[in-house]
């Protein structure tokens, strides 16, 4: 196995763990924003950043998996 395979596995696993841990605080913040619609708009920014980070992590993970299949076939 080469470096691309281990990089893909490490990126996926570390990213998944980070996103699962961060989801707890995002859920709490989202509940606060839902219960207080007139809350400060800055309270929504971490939720938006979480969605962006999850999307970017997913796209990069898909790209790494596709490149692994391309290399190993």
Protein backbone atom coordinates (compact mmCIF):
# COMPACT_ATOMS: atom_id res chain seq x y z
CA UNK A 1 0.00 0.00 0.00
CA UNK A 2 1.29 3.40 -0.77
CA UNK A 3 1.03 6.85 0.74
CA UNK A 4 -2.17 7.78 -1.14
CA UNK A 5 -4.07 4.88 0.43
CA UNK A 6 -2.95 5.75 3.98
CA UNK A 7 -3.59 9.45 3.42
CA UNK A 8 -7.12 8.70 2.25
CA UNK A 9 -7.88 6.49 5.24
CA UNK A 10 -6.36 8.96 7.73
CA UNK A 11 -8.13 11.97 6.20
CA UNK A 12 -11.47 10.18 6.23
CA UNK A 13 -11.20 8.82 9.77
CA UNK A 14 -9.81 11.97 11.40
CA UNK A 15 -12.34 14.15 9.58
CA UNK A 16 -15.20 11.89 10.59
CA UNK A 17 -14.18 11.99 14.25
CA UNK A 18 -13.79 15.78 14.22
CA UNK A 19 -17.16 16.28 12.54
CA UNK A 20 -18.93 13.95 14.98
CA UNK A 21 -17.43 15.74 17.98
CA UNK A 22 -18.26 19.16 16.54
CA UNK A 23 -21.83 18.13 15.74
CA UNK A 24 -22.73 18.11 19.43
CA UNK A 25 -21.96 21.79 19.90
CA UNK A 26 -23.59 22.67 16.59
CA UNK A 27 -26.80 20.89 17.61
CA UNK A 28 -26.90 22.85 20.86
CA UNK A 29 -26.28 26.14 19.06
CA UNK A 30 -28.92 25.33 16.45
CA UNK A 31 -31.44 24.59 19.19
CA UNK A 32 -30.66 27.96 20.77
CA UNK A 33 -31.14 29.76 17.46
CA UNK A 34 -34.44 27.94 16.81
CA UNK A 35 -35.80 28.85 20.25
CA UNK A 36 -34.66 32.49 19.97
CA UNK A 37 -35.42 33.69 16.43
CA UNK A 38 -34.43 37.25 17.33
CA UNK A 39 -31.00 36.13 18.58
CA UNK A 40 -27.78 37.71 17.41
CA UNK A 41 -27.01 36.82 13.76
CA UNK A 42 -23.45 35.97 14.82
CA UNK A 43 -24.85 32.93 16.65
CA UNK A 44 -25.65 31.31 13.30
CA UNK A 45 -22.14 31.63 11.83
CA UNK A 46 -20.69 28.51 13.52
CA UNK A 47 -23.55 26.44 12.12
CA UNK A 48 -22.87 27.77 8.63
CA UNK A 49 -19.14 27.08 9.03
CA UNK A 50 -19.93 23.54 10.16
CA UNK A 51 -22.06 22.94 7.06
CA UNK A 52 -19.32 24.35 4.82
CA UNK A 53 -16.61 22.27 6.50
CA UNK A 54 -18.70 19.11 6.21
CA UNK A 55 -19.31 19.75 2.52
CA UNK A 56 -15.64 20.44 1.80
CA UNK A 57 -14.57 17.36 3.78
CA UNK A 58 -17.05 15.24 1.83
CA UNK A 59 -15.94 16.50 -1.56
CA UNK A 60 -12.26 15.97 -0.75
CA UNK A 61 -12.99 12.49 0.64
CA UNK A 62 -14.87 11.52 -2.51
CA UNK A 63 -11.99 12.83 -4.63
CA UNK A 64 -9.44 10.85 -2.64
CA UNK A 65 -11.47 7.63 -2.89
CA UNK A 66 -11.95 8.09 -6.63
CA UNK A 67 -8.24 8.72 -7.09
CA UNK A 68 -7.47 5.56 -5.09
CA UNK A 69 -9.73 3.54 -7.37
CA UNK A 70 -8.06 5.12 -10.37
CA UNK A 71 -4.58 4.24 -9.12
CA UNK A 72 -5.37 0.69 -7.99
CA UNK A 73 -7.33 -0.48 -11.05
